[in-house]
N, C-alpha and C. Protein backbone atom coordinates (compact mmCIF):
# COMPACT_ATOMS: atom_id res chain seq x y z
N UNK A 1 6.30 28.31 23.78
CA UNK A 1 7.04 27.00 23.89
C UNK A 1 8.21 27.33 24.72
N UNK A 2 9.03 28.18 24.91
CA UNK A 2 10.10 28.83 26.06
C UNK A 2 9.74 29.89 26.73
N UNK A 3 8.56 29.35 26.98
CA UNK A 3 8.09 30.81 28.50
C UNK A 3 7.14 30.14 29.12
N UNK A 4 7.97 29.74 30.16
CA UNK A 4 6.96 28.90 31.22
C UNK A 4 6.66 29.74 32.27
N UNK A 5 7.60 31.38 32.44
CA UNK A 5 6.99 31.97 33.77
C UNK A 5 6.32 33.32 32.90
N UNK A 6 6.56 33.48 32.09
CA UNK A 6 6.47 34.74 31.56
C UNK A 6 4.93 34.97 30.83
N UNK A 7 4.49 36.42 30.94
CA UNK A 7 2.78 36.32 30.51
C UNK A 7 2.72 35.65 29.07
N UNK A 8 2.02 35.02 29.02
CA UNK A 8 1.58 34.22 27.54
C UNK A 8 1.32 35.22 26.36
N UNK A 9 1.63 34.97 25.30
CA UNK A 9 1.36 35.81 23.96
C UNK A 9 0.18 35.48 23.66
N UNK A 10 -1.03 36.62 22.98
CA UNK A 10 0.25 37.88 22.36
C UNK A 10 -0.16 39.04 23.50
N UNK A 11 0.61 40.05 23.44
CA UNK A 11 0.57 41.11 24.12
C UNK A 11 0.26 41.97 23.26
N UNK A 12 -0.53 42.93 23.78
CA UNK A 12 -1.26 44.49 23.10
C UNK A 12 -0.60 45.63 23.62
N UNK A 13 -0.54 46.69 22.72
CA UNK A 13 -0.44 47.77 23.34
C UNK A 13 -1.88 48.76 23.63
N UNK A 14 -2.14 49.21 24.53
CA UNK A 14 -3.23 50.33 25.31
C UNK A 14 -2.57 51.27 25.98
N UNK A 15 -3.94 52.31 25.72
CA UNK A 15 -3.37 53.33 26.78
C UNK A 15 -3.84 53.28 27.96
N UNK A 16 -3.25 53.71 28.91
CA UNK A 16 -3.45 53.64 30.18
C UNK A 16 -4.35 54.67 30.55
N UNK A 17 -5.91 53.55 30.92
CA UNK A 17 -6.71 54.41 31.70
C UNK A 17 -6.91 54.22 32.93
N UNK A 18 -5.98 54.73 33.69
CA UNK A 18 -6.09 54.99 35.13
C UNK A 18 -6.58 56.54 35.12
N UNK A 19 -7.40 57.39 36.04
CA UNK A 19 -7.76 58.68 35.86
C UNK A 19 -6.47 59.73 35.67
N UNK A 20 -6.33 59.81 35.19
CA UNK A 20 -5.11 61.72 34.72
C UNK A 20 -4.04 60.59 34.49
N UNK A 21 -4.34 59.64 33.74
CA UNK A 21 -2.87 58.84 33.02
C UNK A 21 -3.22 58.94 31.58
N UNK A 22 -4.19 58.91 31.08
CA UNK A 22 -4.32 58.57 29.72
C UNK A 22 -3.46 58.66 28.62
N UNK A 23 -2.66 59.85 28.99
CA UNK A 23 -1.45 60.03 27.88
C UNK A 23 -0.30 59.10 27.96
N UNK A 24 -0.57 57.81 28.92
CA UNK A 24 0.47 57.02 28.95
C UNK A 24 0.47 55.62 28.21
N UNK A 25 1.34 54.82 28.25
CA UNK A 25 0.84 53.60 27.68
C UNK A 25 1.06 52.45 28.02
N UNK A 26 0.63 51.18 28.12
CA UNK A 26 0.53 50.16 28.98
C UNK A 26 0.79 49.17 27.80
N UNK A 27 1.71 48.19 27.99
CA UNK A 27 1.72 46.81 27.29
C UNK A 27 1.10 45.96 27.94
N UNK A 28 -0.25 45.14 27.56
CA UNK A 28 -0.89 44.46 28.28
C UNK A 28 -0.92 42.73 27.60
N UNK A 29 -1.50 41.89 28.49
CA UNK A 29 -1.78 40.69 27.68
C UNK A 29 -2.85 41.06 26.88
N UNK A 30 -3.51 39.66 25.94
CA UNK A 30 -4.49 39.76 25.10
C UNK A 30 -5.94 40.77 25.82
N UNK A 31 -5.57 40.23 27.12
CA UNK A 31 -7.19 40.45 27.33
C UNK A 31 -7.16 41.84 27.97
N UNK A 32 -6.32 42.51 28.19
CA UNK A 32 -5.96 44.29 28.95
C UNK A 32 -5.97 44.27 30.19
N UNK A 33 -6.42 42.58 30.99
CA UNK A 33 -6.23 43.01 32.52
C UNK A 33 -5.02 42.99 33.11
N UNK A 34 -3.97 42.55 32.35
CA UNK A 34 -2.89 42.32 33.22
C UNK A 34 -1.45 43.19 32.61
N UNK A 35 -1.35 44.42 33.23
CA UNK A 35 -0.32 45.08 33.14
C UNK A 35 1.13 44.59 32.92
N UNK A 36 1.65 44.04 31.93
CA UNK A 36 3.06 44.09 31.87
C UNK A 36 4.17 45.25 31.79
N UNK A 37 4.03 46.41 31.50
CA UNK A 37 4.81 47.42 31.51
C UNK A 37 3.90 48.73 30.97
N UNK A 38 4.62 49.48 31.79
CA UNK A 38 4.03 51.12 31.82
C UNK A 38 5.10 51.94 31.15
N UNK A 39 4.77 52.50 30.24
CA UNK A 39 5.75 53.72 29.63
C UNK A 39 5.51 55.04 29.71
N UNK A 40 5.73 55.91 30.28
CA UNK A 40 5.40 57.03 30.52
C UNK A 40 5.61 58.18 28.65
N UNK A 41 5.16 59.29 28.90
CA UNK A 41 4.48 60.15 27.67
C UNK A 41 6.03 60.45 27.32
N UNK A 42 6.99 60.32 25.96
CA UNK A 42 7.86 60.75 25.80
C UNK A 42 8.15 62.09 24.69
N UNK A 43 7.34 62.89 25.50
CA UNK A 43 7.69 64.12 24.74
C UNK A 43 7.49 64.52 23.36
N UNK A 44 7.11 63.75 22.53
CA UNK A 44 7.01 63.89 21.44
C UNK A 44 5.92 64.15 20.75
N UNK A 45 5.65 64.76 19.86
CA UNK A 45 3.94 65.11 19.25
C UNK A 45 3.00 63.93 19.52
N UNK A 46 2.23 63.88 20.12
CA UNK A 46 1.16 62.45 20.06
C UNK A 46 1.88 61.47 20.44
N UNK A 47 2.52 61.36 21.53
CA UNK A 47 3.78 60.15 22.00
C UNK A 47 4.03 59.39 20.88
N UNK A 48 4.59 60.05 19.60
CA UNK A 48 4.78 58.93 18.72
C UNK A 48 5.64 58.02 18.44
N UNK A 49 7.22 58.56 19.78
CA UNK A 49 8.19 57.52 19.72
C UNK A 49 7.86 56.45 20.68
N UNK A 50 6.90 56.78 21.97
CA UNK A 50 6.56 55.98 22.70
C UNK A 50 5.63 54.84 22.69
N UNK A 51 4.85 55.57 21.62
CA UNK A 51 3.83 54.06 20.53
C UNK A 51 4.48 53.42 19.76
N UNK A 52 5.50 53.94 18.90
CA UNK A 52 6.36 52.96 18.27
C UNK A 52 7.37 52.06 18.90
N UNK A 53 7.76 52.39 20.08
CA UNK A 53 8.60 51.86 21.09
C UNK A 53 7.58 50.62 21.58
N UNK A 54 6.28 51.16 22.11
CA UNK A 54 5.53 50.16 22.84
C UNK A 54 4.90 49.03 21.78
N UNK A 55 4.88 49.14 20.49
CA UNK A 55 4.28 48.40 19.58
C UNK A 55 5.48 47.55 18.71
N UNK A 56 6.63 48.13 18.87
CA UNK A 56 7.92 47.19 18.68
C UNK A 56 7.96 45.89 19.57
N UNK A 57 8.30 46.25 21.09
CA UNK A 57 8.30 45.64 22.01
C UNK A 57 7.37 44.56 21.87
N UNK A 58 6.12 45.01 21.91
CA UNK A 58 4.66 43.95 21.98
C UNK A 58 4.96 42.64 20.44
N UNK A 59 5.21 43.63 19.39
CA UNK A 59 5.37 42.69 18.37
C UNK A 59 6.70 41.72 18.36
N UNK A 60 7.73 41.82 19.13
CA UNK A 60 9.04 41.17 19.48
C UNK A 60 8.50 40.19 20.27
N UNK A 61 8.00 40.70 20.87
CA UNK A 61 7.43 39.70 21.96
C UNK A 61 6.74 38.30 21.29
N UNK A 62 5.55 38.86 20.27
CA UNK A 62 4.64 37.96 19.93
C UNK A 62 5.14 36.91 18.70
N UNK A 63 6.44 37.36 18.19
CA UNK A 63 7.22 36.82 17.60
C UNK A 63 7.73 35.44 17.57
N UNK A 64 8.47 35.98 19.06
CA UNK A 64 9.68 35.30 19.68
C UNK A 64 9.14 33.54 19.41
N UNK A 65 8.41 33.18 20.02
CA UNK A 65 7.71 31.85 19.76
C UNK A 65 8.20 31.30 18.64
N UNK A 66 7.84 31.88 17.48
CA UNK A 66 7.72 31.37 15.80
C UNK A 66 9.19 31.48 15.52
N UNK A 67 10.00 32.14 15.85
CA UNK A 67 11.05 32.28 15.51
C UNK A 67 11.94 31.34 16.09
N UNK A 68 11.94 31.12 17.33
CA UNK A 68 12.55 29.83 18.04
C UNK A 68 12.00 28.37 17.34
N UNK A 69 10.69 28.62 17.11
CA UNK A 69 10.65 27.72 16.34
C UNK A 69 11.08 26.90 15.46
N UNK A 70 11.06 28.27 14.54
CA UNK A 70 12.05 28.01 13.15
C UNK A 70 12.80 27.95 13.09
N UNK A 71 13.97 28.70 14.10
CA UNK A 71 15.65 27.68 14.26
C UNK A 71 15.38 26.62 14.89
N UNK A 72 14.91 25.79 15.78
CA UNK A 72 14.63 24.81 16.09
C UNK A 72 14.40 23.79 15.09
N UNK A 73 13.40 23.71 14.08
CA UNK A 73 13.32 23.14 13.02
C UNK A 73 14.63 23.25 12.42
N UNK A 74 14.67 24.14 11.82
CA UNK A 74 15.90 24.19 10.67
C UNK A 74 17.29 23.41 11.51
N UNK A 75 17.70 23.61 13.00
CA UNK A 75 18.52 23.25 13.50
C UNK A 75 18.48 21.74 13.15
N UNK A 76 17.61 21.33 13.49
CA UNK A 76 17.22 19.74 13.67
C UNK A 76 17.20 18.81 12.34
N UNK A 77 16.76 19.82 11.10
CA UNK A 77 16.87 19.57 9.74
C UNK A 77 18.24 18.16 9.44
N UNK A 78 17.93 16.61 8.79
CA UNK A 78 19.33 16.27 8.46
C UNK A 78 19.12 16.14 7.00
N UNK A 79 20.13 16.75 6.58
CA UNK A 79 20.45 16.35 5.00
C UNK A 79 20.87 15.35 4.65
N UNK A 80 20.71 14.36 4.24
CA UNK A 80 21.07 13.09 4.08
C UNK A 80 22.54 13.01 2.64
N UNK A 81 22.82 11.89 2.66
CA UNK A 81 23.30 11.64 1.44
C UNK A 81 22.56 11.63 0.07
N UNK A 82 23.20 11.96 -0.74
CA UNK A 82 22.26 11.73 -2.11
C UNK A 82 21.86 10.15 -2.18
N UNK A 83 20.34 10.14 -2.74
CA UNK A 83 20.20 8.93 -2.77
C UNK A 83 20.97 8.30 -4.40
N UNK A 84 20.78 7.39 -4.16
CA UNK A 84 21.20 6.64 -5.61
C UNK A 84 20.43 6.75 -7.24
N UNK A 85 19.43 6.32 -6.32
CA UNK A 85 18.08 6.24 -7.19
C UNK A 85 17.65 7.78 -7.97
N UNK A 86 18.04 8.80 -7.18
CA UNK A 86 18.02 10.35 -7.97
C UNK A 86 18.76 10.49 -8.74
N UNK A 87 18.36 10.98 -10.09
CA UNK A 87 19.52 11.18 -11.02
C UNK A 87 19.61 12.52 -11.12
N UNK A 88 19.87 13.36 -10.47
CA UNK A 88 21.15 14.70 -10.29
C UNK A 88 22.09 14.93 -9.76
N UNK A 89 22.53 16.08 -9.92
CA UNK A 89 24.09 16.26 -9.63
C UNK A 89 23.83 16.67 -7.75
N UNK A 90 25.14 16.93 -7.01
CA UNK A 90 25.02 16.86 -5.85
C UNK A 90 24.79 18.00 -5.95
N UNK A 91 25.28 19.43 -6.57
CA UNK A 91 24.13 20.65 -5.98
C UNK A 91 23.31 20.57 -6.44
N UNK A 92 22.62 19.70 -7.20
CA UNK A 92 20.80 20.19 -7.62
C UNK A 92 20.34 19.63 -6.49
N UNK A 93 20.54 18.49 -5.59
CA UNK A 93 20.40 17.92 -4.24
C UNK A 93 20.61 18.43 -3.49
N UNK A 94 21.44 19.20 -3.00
CA UNK A 94 21.75 19.97 -1.85
C UNK A 94 20.81 21.39 -2.12
N UNK A 95 20.38 22.17 -3.38
CA UNK A 95 19.27 23.21 -3.38
C UNK A 95 18.21 22.40 -3.46
N UNK A 96 17.82 21.19 -3.46
CA UNK A 96 16.44 20.36 -3.17
C UNK A 96 16.41 20.50 -2.11
N UNK A 97 17.20 19.90 -1.16
CA UNK A 97 17.13 19.52 0.58
C UNK A 97 16.89 21.15 1.14
N UNK A 98 17.51 21.86 0.89
CA UNK A 98 17.82 23.47 1.24
C UNK A 98 16.17 24.12 1.28
N UNK A 99 16.12 23.78 0.18
CA UNK A 99 14.69 24.56 -0.28
C UNK A 99 13.90 24.58 1.36
N UNK A 100 13.93 23.46 1.60
CA UNK A 100 12.70 23.09 2.58
C UNK A 100 12.98 24.17 3.72
N UNK A 101 14.14 24.73 4.11
CA UNK A 101 14.64 25.13 5.31
C UNK A 101 14.71 26.86 4.73
N UNK A 102 14.92 27.19 3.60
CA UNK A 102 14.86 28.28 3.35
C UNK A 102 13.53 29.09 3.46
N UNK A 103 12.26 28.18 2.94
CA UNK A 103 10.75 28.46 2.75
C UNK A 103 10.77 28.66 4.92
N UNK A 104 10.86 27.59 5.62
CA UNK A 104 10.86 27.62 6.83
C UNK A 104 11.21 29.11 7.37
N UNK A 105 12.54 29.40 7.05
CA UNK A 105 12.97 30.78 7.67
C UNK A 105 12.48 32.09 6.79
N UNK A 106 11.79 31.83 5.63
CA UNK A 106 11.10 33.04 5.00
C UNK A 106 9.79 33.46 6.07
N UNK A 107 9.19 32.07 6.04
CA UNK A 107 7.89 32.38 6.82
C UNK A 107 7.95 32.92 8.12
N UNK A 108 8.99 32.59 8.65
CA UNK A 108 9.33 32.96 10.14
C UNK A 108 9.28 34.62 9.99
N UNK A 109 9.95 34.93 9.26
CA UNK A 109 10.77 36.59 8.67
C UNK A 109 9.42 37.37 8.53
N UNK A 110 8.48 36.88 7.85
CA UNK A 110 7.24 37.36 7.10
C UNK A 110 6.24 37.29 8.38
N UNK A 111 6.42 36.81 9.14
CA UNK A 111 5.54 37.11 10.74
C UNK A 111 6.24 37.82 11.39
N UNK A 112 7.46 37.87 11.40
CA UNK A 112 8.27 38.93 12.34
C UNK A 112 8.51 40.15 11.49
N UNK A 113 8.36 40.33 10.41
CA UNK A 113 8.25 41.73 9.83
C UNK A 113 6.61 42.05 9.82
N UNK A 114 6.17 41.55 9.89
CA UNK A 114 4.28 42.14 10.17
C UNK A 114 3.70 41.70 8.82
N UNK A 115 4.16 41.23 7.78
CA UNK A 115 3.57 41.42 6.76
C UNK A 115 2.64 40.13 6.46
N UNK A 116 2.10 39.55 7.29
CA UNK A 116 1.19 38.17 7.22
C UNK A 116 -0.63 39.20 7.84
């Protein structure tokens, strides 16, 4: 969507397969052929912090388009006046109209939190 010049998603976390560098971490494209980011060992046991940071970066990038799309949909929604043919009060009408917006936001959050 908003990424004409960046590496397409999904991004992945991989071990650095270069000779003598396997303790480092790479963030790559899905094929593993395009190295986006190289992260050196962080001196924690089994590089735990470095792995967690790399996973967080890749996950954030992979969720970006879905989050932007959800925000665009929400921003572009038009909540019209309550039609006279519907016999509910204004508060109920607003709740009904905004339910769709909440659903869109919740779906994007589930993806962003990695709950899918």
